[in-house]
N, C-alpha and C. Protein backbone atom coordinates (compact mmCIF):
# COMPACT_ATOMS: atom_id res chain seq x y z
N MET A 1 121.56 -7.30 201.67
CA MET A 1 121.86 -8.28 200.62
C MET A 1 120.93 -8.05 199.43
N SER A 2 121.52 -8.00 198.24
CA SER A 2 120.72 -7.79 197.05
C SER A 2 119.97 -9.08 196.69
N ALA A 3 118.99 -8.97 195.78
CA ALA A 3 118.21 -10.14 195.35
C ALA A 3 119.13 -11.17 194.68
N LYS A 4 120.11 -10.68 193.89
CA LYS A 4 121.05 -11.60 193.22
C LYS A 4 121.87 -12.37 194.25
N GLU A 5 122.38 -11.65 195.27
CA GLU A 5 123.19 -12.30 196.30
C GLU A 5 122.37 -13.32 197.09
N ALA A 6 121.09 -13.00 197.31
CA ALA A 6 120.22 -13.90 198.06
C ALA A 6 119.99 -15.19 197.27
N ILE A 7 119.78 -15.06 195.97
CA ILE A 7 119.56 -16.24 195.13
C ILE A 7 120.80 -17.12 195.09
N LEU A 8 121.97 -16.48 194.93
CA LEU A 8 123.22 -17.25 194.88
C LEU A 8 123.49 -17.95 196.21
N ALA A 9 123.15 -17.29 197.31
CA ALA A 9 123.35 -17.89 198.62
C ALA A 9 122.49 -19.14 198.78
N ARG A 10 121.26 -19.10 198.29
CA ARG A 10 120.37 -20.25 198.37
C ARG A 10 120.88 -21.39 197.50
N VAL A 11 121.45 -21.06 196.33
CA VAL A 11 122.00 -22.09 195.45
C VAL A 11 123.19 -22.77 196.12
N ARG A 12 124.08 -21.97 196.72
CA ARG A 12 125.25 -22.54 197.41
C ARG A 12 124.82 -23.44 198.56
N ALA A 13 123.80 -23.03 199.28
CA ALA A 13 123.31 -23.83 200.41
C ALA A 13 122.75 -25.16 199.92
N ALA A 14 122.03 -25.13 198.80
CA ALA A 14 121.44 -26.35 198.26
C ALA A 14 122.50 -27.31 197.76
N LEU A 15 123.66 -26.78 197.35
CA LEU A 15 124.73 -27.62 196.81
C LEU A 15 125.80 -27.97 197.85
N ALA A 16 125.58 -27.56 199.06
CA ALA A 16 126.62 -27.73 200.08
C ALA A 16 126.99 -29.19 200.33
N ASP A 17 126.01 -30.10 200.20
CA ASP A 17 126.31 -31.50 200.50
C ASP A 17 126.68 -32.32 199.26
N VAL A 18 126.88 -31.67 198.11
CA VAL A 18 127.26 -32.37 196.88
C VAL A 18 128.77 -32.55 196.87
N PRO A 19 129.26 -33.80 196.74
CA PRO A 19 130.71 -34.02 196.72
C PRO A 19 131.40 -33.23 195.61
N ALA A 20 132.55 -32.70 195.91
CA ALA A 20 133.26 -31.85 194.95
C ALA A 20 133.66 -32.60 193.69
N ASP A 21 133.88 -33.94 193.82
CA ASP A 21 134.33 -34.70 192.65
C ASP A 21 133.19 -35.38 191.90
N GLU A 22 131.96 -35.07 192.27
CA GLU A 22 130.83 -35.68 191.55
C GLU A 22 130.75 -35.12 190.13
N PRO A 23 130.68 -36.01 189.11
CA PRO A 23 130.63 -35.52 187.72
C PRO A 23 129.35 -34.74 187.47
N VAL A 24 129.49 -33.73 186.65
CA VAL A 24 128.34 -32.89 186.30
C VAL A 24 127.87 -33.29 184.91
N HIS A 25 126.61 -33.67 184.80
CA HIS A 25 126.04 -34.07 183.51
C HIS A 25 125.25 -32.90 182.95
N ARG A 26 125.74 -32.37 181.86
CA ARG A 26 125.06 -31.24 181.22
C ARG A 26 124.53 -31.70 179.86
N PRO A 27 123.29 -31.35 179.53
CA PRO A 27 122.78 -31.70 178.20
C PRO A 27 123.58 -30.94 177.13
N ARG A 28 123.77 -31.60 175.99
CA ARG A 28 124.50 -30.93 174.90
C ARG A 28 123.70 -29.73 174.43
N GLU A 29 124.37 -28.59 174.39
CA GLU A 29 123.70 -27.39 173.95
C GLU A 29 123.40 -27.48 172.45
N ARG A 30 122.19 -27.10 172.09
CA ARG A 30 121.81 -27.07 170.68
C ARG A 30 122.41 -25.84 170.04
N THR A 31 123.08 -26.03 168.94
CA THR A 31 123.69 -24.91 168.24
C THR A 31 122.91 -24.59 166.98
N TYR A 32 123.21 -23.45 166.41
CA TYR A 32 122.54 -23.01 165.19
C TYR A 32 122.73 -24.03 164.07
N LEU A 33 123.90 -24.68 164.05
CA LEU A 33 124.19 -25.62 162.99
C LEU A 33 123.48 -26.95 163.16
N ASP A 34 122.76 -27.14 164.28
CA ASP A 34 122.04 -28.39 164.49
C ASP A 34 120.65 -28.39 163.86
N SER A 35 120.22 -27.27 163.31
CA SER A 35 118.88 -27.19 162.74
C SER A 35 118.69 -28.25 161.67
N HIS A 36 117.56 -28.92 161.71
CA HIS A 36 117.32 -29.95 160.70
C HIS A 36 115.82 -30.15 160.52
N ALA A 37 115.48 -30.72 159.37
CA ALA A 37 114.07 -31.00 159.10
C ALA A 37 113.61 -32.17 159.96
N VAL A 38 112.34 -32.15 160.31
CA VAL A 38 111.76 -33.23 161.10
C VAL A 38 111.12 -34.22 160.13
N GLY A 39 111.79 -35.35 159.91
CA GLY A 39 111.29 -36.35 158.98
C GLY A 39 112.27 -36.54 157.83
N PRO A 40 111.98 -37.50 156.93
CA PRO A 40 112.85 -37.72 155.77
C PRO A 40 112.98 -36.44 154.94
N THR A 41 114.19 -36.10 154.60
CA THR A 41 114.47 -34.80 153.99
C THR A 41 113.64 -34.51 152.75
N LEU A 42 113.61 -35.42 151.79
CA LEU A 42 112.90 -35.15 150.54
C LEU A 42 111.39 -35.04 150.77
N GLU A 43 110.86 -35.89 151.66
CA GLU A 43 109.42 -35.83 151.94
C GLU A 43 109.05 -34.50 152.60
N VAL A 44 109.89 -34.05 153.51
CA VAL A 44 109.63 -32.76 154.16
C VAL A 44 109.69 -31.63 153.14
N PHE A 45 110.70 -31.66 152.28
CA PHE A 45 110.84 -30.63 151.25
C PHE A 45 109.61 -30.59 150.35
N GLU A 46 109.19 -31.76 149.89
CA GLU A 46 108.02 -31.82 149.01
C GLU A 46 106.77 -31.33 149.72
N ASP A 47 106.62 -31.72 150.98
CA ASP A 47 105.44 -31.29 151.75
C ASP A 47 105.40 -29.77 151.91
N ARG A 48 106.57 -29.17 152.18
CA ARG A 48 106.60 -27.71 152.34
C ARG A 48 106.24 -27.02 151.02
N LEU A 49 106.77 -27.53 149.91
CA LEU A 49 106.47 -26.93 148.61
C LEU A 49 104.98 -26.99 148.32
N VAL A 50 104.38 -28.13 148.56
CA VAL A 50 102.95 -28.29 148.31
C VAL A 50 102.16 -27.34 149.20
N ASP A 51 102.60 -27.19 150.45
CA ASP A 51 101.93 -26.27 151.37
C ASP A 51 102.00 -24.84 150.86
N TYR A 52 103.08 -24.50 150.16
CA TYR A 52 103.22 -23.17 149.58
C TYR A 52 102.47 -23.02 148.26
N LYS A 53 101.76 -24.09 147.85
CA LYS A 53 101.00 -24.10 146.60
C LYS A 53 101.88 -24.16 145.36
N ALA A 54 103.08 -24.72 145.52
CA ALA A 54 103.92 -25.01 144.36
C ALA A 54 103.52 -26.37 143.79
N LEU A 55 103.83 -26.59 142.52
CA LEU A 55 103.58 -27.87 141.88
C LEU A 55 104.86 -28.69 141.97
N VAL A 56 104.77 -29.95 142.39
CA VAL A 56 105.97 -30.77 142.61
C VAL A 56 105.81 -32.13 141.94
N HIS A 57 106.88 -32.57 141.27
CA HIS A 57 106.86 -33.88 140.63
C HIS A 57 108.19 -34.58 140.91
N ARG A 58 108.14 -35.82 141.35
CA ARG A 58 109.35 -36.63 141.48
C ARG A 58 109.66 -37.23 140.11
N VAL A 59 110.88 -37.11 139.65
CA VAL A 59 111.23 -37.63 138.33
C VAL A 59 112.56 -38.38 138.40
N PRO A 60 112.71 -39.46 137.64
CA PRO A 60 114.01 -40.15 137.58
C PRO A 60 115.01 -39.32 136.78
N ALA A 61 116.29 -39.52 137.05
CA ALA A 61 117.33 -38.70 136.43
C ALA A 61 117.35 -38.81 134.91
N ASP A 62 116.95 -39.96 134.38
CA ASP A 62 117.01 -40.14 132.93
C ASP A 62 115.77 -39.63 132.20
N ARG A 63 114.87 -38.98 132.94
CA ARG A 63 113.64 -38.47 132.31
C ARG A 63 113.45 -36.98 132.51
N VAL A 64 114.51 -36.27 132.84
CA VAL A 64 114.37 -34.82 133.08
C VAL A 64 113.85 -34.12 131.83
N GLY A 65 114.45 -34.41 130.67
CA GLY A 65 114.00 -33.76 129.44
C GLY A 65 112.54 -34.05 129.13
N THR A 66 112.13 -35.30 129.32
CA THR A 66 110.74 -35.70 129.07
C THR A 66 109.79 -34.98 130.00
N GLU A 67 110.18 -34.87 131.28
CA GLU A 67 109.31 -34.23 132.26
C GLU A 67 109.26 -32.71 132.09
N VAL A 68 110.38 -32.12 131.67
CA VAL A 68 110.36 -30.68 131.36
C VAL A 68 109.39 -30.43 130.21
N ALA A 69 109.47 -31.27 129.17
CA ALA A 69 108.57 -31.12 128.04
C ALA A 69 107.12 -31.27 128.47
N ALA A 70 106.84 -32.25 129.34
CA ALA A 70 105.47 -32.46 129.81
C ALA A 70 104.97 -31.27 130.62
N ALA A 71 105.84 -30.72 131.47
CA ALA A 71 105.44 -29.58 132.30
C ALA A 71 105.14 -28.36 131.43
N LEU A 72 105.98 -28.11 130.44
CA LEU A 72 105.76 -26.95 129.56
C LEU A 72 104.51 -27.15 128.71
N ALA A 73 104.24 -28.40 128.31
CA ALA A 73 103.02 -28.68 127.54
C ALA A 73 101.78 -28.44 128.39
N ARG A 74 101.82 -28.87 129.67
CA ARG A 74 100.67 -28.64 130.56
C ARG A 74 100.43 -27.14 130.73
N ARG A 75 101.52 -26.41 130.77
CA ARG A 75 101.43 -24.96 130.95
C ARG A 75 100.98 -24.26 129.67
N GLY A 76 101.17 -24.92 128.54
CA GLY A 76 100.86 -24.29 127.25
C GLY A 76 101.94 -23.30 126.84
N ALA A 77 103.16 -23.49 127.35
CA ALA A 77 104.26 -22.57 127.07
C ALA A 77 104.81 -22.80 125.67
N ARG A 78 105.08 -21.72 124.97
CA ARG A 78 105.65 -21.79 123.63
C ARG A 78 107.01 -21.09 123.53
N ARG A 79 107.19 -20.08 124.36
CA ARG A 79 108.45 -19.32 124.36
C ARG A 79 108.95 -19.26 125.80
N VAL A 80 110.10 -19.87 126.08
CA VAL A 80 110.59 -19.89 127.46
C VAL A 80 112.02 -19.35 127.53
N VAL A 81 112.29 -18.69 128.62
CA VAL A 81 113.63 -18.16 128.89
C VAL A 81 114.48 -19.26 129.51
N VAL A 82 115.71 -19.36 129.08
CA VAL A 82 116.64 -20.33 129.68
C VAL A 82 117.98 -19.63 129.92
N PRO A 83 118.60 -19.87 131.05
CA PRO A 83 119.96 -19.34 131.26
C PRO A 83 120.91 -20.03 130.29
N GLN A 84 121.94 -19.32 129.91
CA GLN A 84 122.84 -19.81 128.88
C GLN A 84 123.47 -21.16 129.23
N GLY A 85 123.67 -21.43 130.51
CA GLY A 85 124.33 -22.67 130.91
C GLY A 85 123.40 -23.83 131.21
N LEU A 86 122.11 -23.69 130.93
CA LEU A 86 121.18 -24.78 131.18
C LEU A 86 121.44 -25.92 130.20
N PRO A 87 121.50 -27.18 130.66
CA PRO A 87 121.72 -28.30 129.74
C PRO A 87 120.69 -28.30 128.61
N GLY A 88 121.16 -28.35 127.37
CA GLY A 88 120.27 -28.28 126.23
C GLY A 88 119.28 -29.43 126.17
N GLU A 89 119.70 -30.61 126.66
CA GLU A 89 118.81 -31.77 126.60
C GLU A 89 117.59 -31.62 127.51
N TRP A 90 117.62 -30.67 128.43
CA TRP A 90 116.47 -30.47 129.30
C TRP A 90 115.28 -29.89 128.55
N THR A 91 115.53 -29.13 127.49
CA THR A 91 114.43 -28.46 126.79
C THR A 91 114.26 -28.90 125.34
N GLU A 92 115.20 -29.67 124.81
CA GLU A 92 115.13 -29.96 123.37
C GLU A 92 113.93 -30.82 123.00
N GLN A 93 113.40 -31.61 123.94
CA GLN A 93 112.22 -32.42 123.65
C GLN A 93 110.92 -31.63 123.71
N ALA A 94 110.99 -30.42 124.25
CA ALA A 94 109.77 -29.65 124.50
C ALA A 94 109.19 -29.03 123.23
N GLY A 95 110.02 -28.84 122.21
CA GLY A 95 109.54 -28.22 120.99
C GLY A 95 109.10 -26.78 121.17
N VAL A 96 109.77 -26.07 122.08
CA VAL A 96 109.43 -24.67 122.33
C VAL A 96 110.57 -23.77 121.86
N GLU A 97 110.26 -22.51 121.70
CA GLU A 97 111.30 -21.53 121.38
C GLU A 97 112.01 -21.13 122.67
N THR A 98 113.32 -21.31 122.70
CA THR A 98 114.06 -20.95 123.90
C THR A 98 114.76 -19.61 123.70
N LEU A 99 114.64 -18.75 124.68
CA LEU A 99 115.25 -17.43 124.66
C LEU A 99 116.43 -17.46 125.62
N ALA A 100 117.63 -17.57 125.07
CA ALA A 100 118.83 -17.67 125.92
C ALA A 100 119.16 -16.32 126.54
N ASP A 101 119.47 -16.35 127.82
CA ASP A 101 119.82 -15.13 128.54
C ASP A 101 121.19 -15.30 129.17
N SER A 102 121.99 -14.27 129.13
CA SER A 102 123.30 -14.28 129.77
C SER A 102 123.64 -12.86 130.19
N ARG A 103 124.65 -12.74 131.03
CA ARG A 103 125.08 -11.40 131.44
C ARG A 103 125.67 -10.64 130.27
N GLU A 104 126.28 -11.37 129.34
CA GLU A 104 126.87 -10.72 128.17
C GLU A 104 125.79 -10.29 127.17
N ALA A 105 124.71 -11.06 127.10
CA ALA A 105 123.61 -10.74 126.18
C ALA A 105 122.29 -10.90 126.92
N PRO A 106 121.98 -9.97 127.83
CA PRO A 106 120.77 -10.10 128.64
C PRO A 106 119.51 -9.76 127.86
N LEU A 107 118.45 -10.47 128.15
CA LEU A 107 117.15 -10.13 127.57
C LEU A 107 116.60 -8.91 128.28
N GLY A 108 115.84 -8.12 127.56
CA GLY A 108 115.23 -6.94 128.16
C GLY A 108 114.01 -7.30 129.00
N VAL A 109 113.55 -6.36 129.80
CA VAL A 109 112.39 -6.60 130.67
C VAL A 109 111.17 -6.97 129.85
N HIS A 110 110.95 -6.30 128.72
CA HIS A 110 109.77 -6.59 127.90
C HIS A 110 109.85 -7.99 127.31
N GLU A 111 111.04 -8.43 126.93
CA GLU A 111 111.21 -9.79 126.41
C GLU A 111 110.93 -10.82 127.50
N LEU A 112 111.42 -10.55 128.71
CA LEU A 112 111.17 -11.46 129.82
C LEU A 112 109.69 -11.52 130.16
N ASP A 113 109.04 -10.37 130.14
CA ASP A 113 107.63 -10.30 130.49
C ASP A 113 106.75 -10.99 129.44
N ALA A 114 107.19 -10.96 128.18
CA ALA A 114 106.41 -11.57 127.10
C ALA A 114 106.59 -13.08 127.03
N ALA A 115 107.62 -13.61 127.69
CA ALA A 115 107.88 -15.05 127.65
C ALA A 115 106.82 -15.80 128.46
N ASP A 116 106.61 -17.06 128.11
CA ASP A 116 105.61 -17.88 128.81
C ASP A 116 106.15 -18.45 130.12
N GLY A 117 107.45 -18.37 130.32
CA GLY A 117 108.02 -18.90 131.55
C GLY A 117 109.52 -18.97 131.47
N VAL A 118 110.12 -19.55 132.51
CA VAL A 118 111.57 -19.70 132.58
C VAL A 118 111.88 -21.08 133.16
N VAL A 119 112.95 -21.68 132.67
CA VAL A 119 113.41 -22.97 133.19
C VAL A 119 114.80 -22.77 133.76
N THR A 120 115.01 -23.17 135.01
CA THR A 120 116.33 -23.06 135.63
C THR A 120 116.65 -24.30 136.46
N ALA A 121 117.89 -24.40 136.83
CA ALA A 121 118.32 -25.35 137.86
C ALA A 121 118.35 -24.58 139.17
N CYS A 122 119.02 -25.12 140.20
CA CYS A 122 119.16 -24.40 141.46
C CYS A 122 120.53 -24.68 142.06
N ALA A 123 120.89 -23.92 143.09
CA ALA A 123 122.18 -24.11 143.77
C ALA A 123 122.03 -25.07 144.95
N VAL A 124 120.96 -24.89 145.71
CA VAL A 124 120.70 -25.72 146.89
C VAL A 124 119.23 -25.55 147.25
N ALA A 125 118.68 -26.53 147.96
CA ALA A 125 117.29 -26.45 148.40
C ALA A 125 117.22 -26.85 149.87
N ILE A 126 116.23 -26.32 150.58
CA ILE A 126 116.15 -26.51 152.04
C ILE A 126 114.82 -27.17 152.39
N ALA A 127 114.89 -28.36 152.97
CA ALA A 127 113.68 -29.10 153.31
C ALA A 127 112.86 -28.40 154.39
N GLU A 128 113.52 -27.96 155.44
CA GLU A 128 112.83 -27.42 156.61
C GLU A 128 111.94 -26.24 156.27
N THR A 129 112.35 -25.43 155.31
CA THR A 129 111.59 -24.22 154.95
C THR A 129 110.97 -24.31 153.56
N GLY A 130 111.23 -25.40 152.82
CA GLY A 130 110.70 -25.52 151.47
C GLY A 130 111.24 -24.46 150.54
N THR A 131 112.52 -24.14 150.73
CA THR A 131 113.13 -23.03 149.99
C THR A 131 114.10 -23.52 148.93
N ILE A 132 114.06 -22.87 147.77
CA ILE A 132 115.01 -23.12 146.70
C ILE A 132 115.90 -21.89 146.59
N VAL A 133 117.20 -22.11 146.51
CA VAL A 133 118.14 -20.99 146.44
C VAL A 133 118.85 -21.02 145.08
N LEU A 134 118.82 -19.89 144.40
CA LEU A 134 119.56 -19.70 143.17
C LEU A 134 120.75 -18.80 143.47
N ASP A 135 121.91 -19.10 142.87
CA ASP A 135 123.08 -18.27 143.15
C ASP A 135 123.68 -17.63 141.90
N GLY A 136 122.87 -17.57 140.83
CA GLY A 136 123.35 -16.92 139.61
C GLY A 136 124.32 -17.76 138.81
N GLY A 137 124.40 -19.07 139.10
CA GLY A 137 125.28 -19.96 138.35
C GLY A 137 124.86 -20.06 136.89
N PRO A 138 125.68 -20.66 136.05
CA PRO A 138 125.38 -20.73 134.61
C PRO A 138 124.05 -21.39 134.28
N ASP A 139 123.61 -22.36 135.09
CA ASP A 139 122.34 -23.02 134.82
C ASP A 139 121.17 -22.37 135.55
N GLN A 140 121.43 -21.22 136.19
CA GLN A 140 120.38 -20.48 136.90
C GLN A 140 120.20 -19.07 136.36
N GLY A 141 121.29 -18.47 135.92
CA GLY A 141 121.21 -17.17 135.27
C GLY A 141 120.99 -15.99 136.19
N ARG A 142 120.69 -14.88 135.57
CA ARG A 142 120.49 -13.62 136.31
C ARG A 142 119.23 -13.70 137.16
N ARG A 143 119.22 -12.92 138.24
CA ARG A 143 118.07 -12.90 139.14
C ARG A 143 116.80 -12.49 138.40
N ALA A 144 116.90 -11.58 137.45
CA ALA A 144 115.71 -11.06 136.77
C ALA A 144 114.92 -12.15 136.05
N ILE A 145 115.60 -13.17 135.52
CA ILE A 145 114.87 -14.14 134.71
C ILE A 145 113.97 -15.04 135.55
N SER A 146 114.23 -15.12 136.85
CA SER A 146 113.36 -15.92 137.72
C SER A 146 112.32 -15.06 138.44
N LEU A 147 112.35 -13.76 138.20
CA LEU A 147 111.42 -12.86 138.87
C LEU A 147 110.37 -12.26 137.94
N VAL A 148 110.74 -12.04 136.67
CA VAL A 148 109.82 -11.35 135.76
C VAL A 148 108.80 -12.30 135.11
N PRO A 149 109.20 -13.43 134.52
CA PRO A 149 108.20 -14.32 133.93
C PRO A 149 107.20 -14.82 134.97
N ASP A 150 105.98 -15.12 134.51
CA ASP A 150 104.91 -15.50 135.43
C ASP A 150 104.97 -16.97 135.84
N TYR A 151 105.83 -17.74 135.20
CA TYR A 151 105.91 -19.18 135.47
C TYR A 151 107.38 -19.58 135.57
N HIS A 152 107.72 -20.28 136.64
CA HIS A 152 109.10 -20.73 136.85
C HIS A 152 109.10 -22.24 137.03
N LEU A 153 109.81 -22.93 136.12
CA LEU A 153 110.00 -24.37 136.22
C LEU A 153 111.43 -24.60 136.69
N CYS A 154 111.58 -25.17 137.87
CA CYS A 154 112.90 -25.33 138.47
C CYS A 154 113.23 -26.81 138.65
N VAL A 155 114.40 -27.20 138.17
CA VAL A 155 114.86 -28.58 138.31
C VAL A 155 115.79 -28.66 139.51
N VAL A 156 115.41 -29.48 140.49
CA VAL A 156 116.17 -29.62 141.73
C VAL A 156 116.61 -31.07 141.87
N ARG A 157 117.91 -31.30 141.97
CA ARG A 157 118.40 -32.65 142.21
C ARG A 157 118.20 -33.02 143.68
N ALA A 158 117.88 -34.27 143.93
CA ALA A 158 117.66 -34.71 145.31
C ALA A 158 118.89 -34.49 146.17
N ASP A 159 120.09 -34.64 145.58
CA ASP A 159 121.30 -34.46 146.39
C ASP A 159 121.63 -32.99 146.65
N GLN A 160 120.80 -32.08 146.15
CA GLN A 160 120.97 -30.66 146.46
C GLN A 160 120.11 -30.23 147.65
N VAL A 161 119.25 -31.13 148.13
CA VAL A 161 118.32 -30.78 149.21
C VAL A 161 118.98 -31.09 150.55
N VAL A 162 119.10 -30.07 151.40
CA VAL A 162 119.65 -30.24 152.74
C VAL A 162 118.54 -30.05 153.76
N ASP A 163 118.82 -30.45 155.00
CA ASP A 163 117.80 -30.38 156.04
C ASP A 163 117.37 -28.96 156.39
N GLY A 164 118.35 -28.11 156.77
CA GLY A 164 118.00 -26.80 157.30
C GLY A 164 118.79 -25.66 156.69
N VAL A 165 118.41 -24.46 157.09
CA VAL A 165 119.05 -23.24 156.59
C VAL A 165 120.55 -23.20 156.89
N PRO A 166 120.99 -23.58 158.10
CA PRO A 166 122.43 -23.51 158.38
C PRO A 166 123.27 -24.32 157.40
N GLN A 167 122.79 -25.55 157.08
CA GLN A 167 123.55 -26.36 156.13
C GLN A 167 123.61 -25.69 154.76
N ALA A 168 122.52 -25.07 154.36
CA ALA A 168 122.49 -24.39 153.07
C ALA A 168 123.46 -23.21 153.05
N VAL A 169 123.45 -22.44 154.13
CA VAL A 169 124.33 -21.27 154.20
C VAL A 169 125.80 -21.67 154.08
N ARG A 170 126.14 -22.80 154.68
CA ARG A 170 127.53 -23.27 154.63
C ARG A 170 127.94 -23.65 153.20
N LEU A 171 126.97 -24.00 152.35
CA LEU A 171 127.27 -24.40 150.98
C LEU A 171 127.27 -23.24 150.00
N LEU A 172 126.75 -22.10 150.43
CA LEU A 172 126.58 -20.97 149.53
C LEU A 172 127.70 -19.95 149.68
N ASP A 173 127.98 -19.25 148.59
CA ASP A 173 128.97 -18.17 148.59
C ASP A 173 128.22 -16.86 148.80
N PRO A 174 128.41 -16.18 149.93
CA PRO A 174 127.67 -14.94 150.20
C PRO A 174 127.99 -13.81 149.24
N ALA A 175 129.06 -13.97 148.48
CA ALA A 175 129.41 -12.92 147.52
C ALA A 175 128.60 -13.04 146.22
N ARG A 176 127.89 -14.17 146.06
CA ARG A 176 127.11 -14.37 144.85
C ARG A 176 125.71 -13.77 145.02
N PRO A 177 125.01 -13.49 143.91
CA PRO A 177 123.65 -12.93 143.99
C PRO A 177 122.64 -14.02 144.35
N LEU A 178 122.30 -14.14 145.60
CA LEU A 178 121.44 -15.23 146.05
C LEU A 178 119.96 -14.84 145.99
N THR A 179 119.16 -15.74 145.44
CA THR A 179 117.71 -15.56 145.41
C THR A 179 117.08 -16.72 146.14
N TRP A 180 116.34 -16.43 147.22
CA TRP A 180 115.72 -17.46 148.05
C TRP A 180 114.24 -17.52 147.71
N ILE A 181 113.78 -18.68 147.25
CA ILE A 181 112.41 -18.82 146.76
C ILE A 181 111.68 -19.83 147.62
N SER A 182 110.63 -19.38 148.28
CA SER A 182 109.78 -20.27 149.08
C SER A 182 108.38 -20.23 148.49
N GLY A 183 108.15 -21.04 147.48
CA GLY A 183 106.85 -21.09 146.83
C GLY A 183 106.65 -19.96 145.83
N PRO A 184 105.48 -19.92 145.19
CA PRO A 184 105.18 -18.84 144.25
C PRO A 184 105.16 -17.50 144.97
N SER A 185 105.33 -16.43 144.21
CA SER A 185 105.28 -15.09 144.80
C SER A 185 103.89 -14.82 145.36
N ALA A 186 103.83 -14.35 146.61
CA ALA A 186 102.54 -14.03 147.22
C ALA A 186 102.74 -13.01 148.32
N THR A 187 101.75 -12.16 148.49
CA THR A 187 101.77 -11.18 149.57
C THR A 187 100.34 -10.93 150.02
N SER A 188 100.17 -10.30 151.17
CA SER A 188 98.83 -10.01 151.68
C SER A 188 98.77 -8.56 152.15
N ASP A 189 97.59 -7.95 151.98
CA ASP A 189 97.42 -6.59 152.47
C ASP A 189 96.99 -6.63 153.93
N ILE A 190 96.66 -5.48 154.48
CA ILE A 190 96.34 -5.40 155.90
C ILE A 190 95.10 -6.22 156.26
N GLU A 191 94.23 -6.50 155.27
CA GLU A 191 93.04 -7.30 155.51
C GLU A 191 93.27 -8.77 155.18
N LEU A 192 94.56 -9.14 154.96
CA LEU A 192 94.98 -10.52 154.69
C LEU A 192 94.42 -11.07 153.39
N ASN A 193 94.15 -10.18 152.43
CA ASN A 193 93.76 -10.63 151.10
C ASN A 193 95.03 -11.03 150.35
N ARG A 194 95.10 -12.28 149.96
CA ARG A 194 96.30 -12.82 149.31
C ARG A 194 96.35 -12.38 147.84
N VAL A 195 97.51 -11.86 147.45
CA VAL A 195 97.73 -11.46 146.06
C VAL A 195 98.99 -12.17 145.58
N GLU A 196 98.89 -12.84 144.44
CA GLU A 196 100.02 -13.59 143.92
C GLU A 196 100.63 -12.90 142.72
N GLY A 197 101.93 -13.12 142.54
CA GLY A 197 102.60 -12.60 141.36
C GLY A 197 103.11 -11.18 141.46
N VAL A 198 103.13 -10.61 142.65
CA VAL A 198 103.58 -9.21 142.80
C VAL A 198 105.09 -9.11 142.73
N HIS A 199 105.79 -10.03 143.38
CA HIS A 199 107.25 -9.95 143.47
C HIS A 199 107.96 -11.04 142.67
N GLY A 200 107.23 -11.77 141.87
CA GLY A 200 107.82 -12.87 141.12
C GLY A 200 106.74 -13.71 140.47
N PRO A 201 107.08 -14.90 139.99
CA PRO A 201 106.11 -15.73 139.27
C PRO A 201 104.96 -16.20 140.15
N ARG A 202 103.76 -16.23 139.54
CA ARG A 202 102.59 -16.72 140.27
C ARG A 202 102.58 -18.25 140.36
N THR A 203 103.31 -18.89 139.47
CA THR A 203 103.33 -20.36 139.48
C THR A 203 104.76 -20.86 139.55
N LEU A 204 105.04 -21.66 140.56
CA LEU A 204 106.33 -22.33 140.70
C LEU A 204 106.10 -23.82 140.55
N GLU A 205 106.81 -24.43 139.60
CA GLU A 205 106.73 -25.88 139.40
C GLU A 205 108.12 -26.45 139.59
N VAL A 206 108.20 -27.52 140.39
CA VAL A 206 109.50 -28.10 140.72
C VAL A 206 109.57 -29.54 140.26
N LEU A 207 110.63 -29.87 139.54
CA LEU A 207 110.93 -31.25 139.20
C LEU A 207 112.02 -31.71 140.14
N LEU A 208 111.67 -32.60 141.04
CA LEU A 208 112.61 -33.11 142.03
C LEU A 208 113.24 -34.39 141.48
N VAL A 209 114.50 -34.29 141.06
CA VAL A 209 115.16 -35.38 140.35
C VAL A 209 115.75 -36.35 141.36
N GLU A 210 115.32 -37.58 141.30
CA GLU A 210 115.79 -38.61 142.21
C GLU A 210 117.14 -39.11 141.75
N THR A 211 118.18 -38.78 142.50
CA THR A 211 119.54 -39.09 142.09
C THR A 211 120.11 -40.33 142.78
N GLY A 212 119.41 -40.85 143.78
CA GLY A 212 119.90 -42.01 144.51
C GLY A 212 119.68 -43.29 143.77
N PRO A 213 120.14 -44.43 144.34
CA PRO A 213 119.97 -45.73 143.71
C PRO A 213 118.51 -46.16 143.71
């Protein structure tokens, strides 16, 4: 008798006195789609961002323009890149020069590098991982504009924040150019020396817009 047959024989013997019609209670299997943040979604999202050393501010929906202006003033930004579809009222109070970028009229790498930062919206955000996802929509623009400038100011609506990665994936179109951002750009060498700004902006600032009542 093989080891497998011996184990199965012992299982059958242990179950021999169990009535055939006794109901079997099985715990519900956890699926990939059950992933969720532990705790209130927005609080978890904010906590993850802060842990990644991003700057986070809760703002009311009617003060987005004011808060964008305040963030750019704190940064000392004078020339910022904006995707062509970004709402104009978000930056008009800032008194900065805006450099519009689009696929039809893209800014060059040197122009992006010389800018003081970029302002975008987002497609979806994930509380569990503190991740912001851009999908190249009109208010987010080309991937390059969020990678080359050293400062990224991202406006995230509270109703765009989901618990986990599975929920986010279900909302995204895989055919679109997706950029997943978890905090400022950072990497470490073999001696664990942290270096920021290698693969993207060294500073990520998030305005979390409270959209609920």
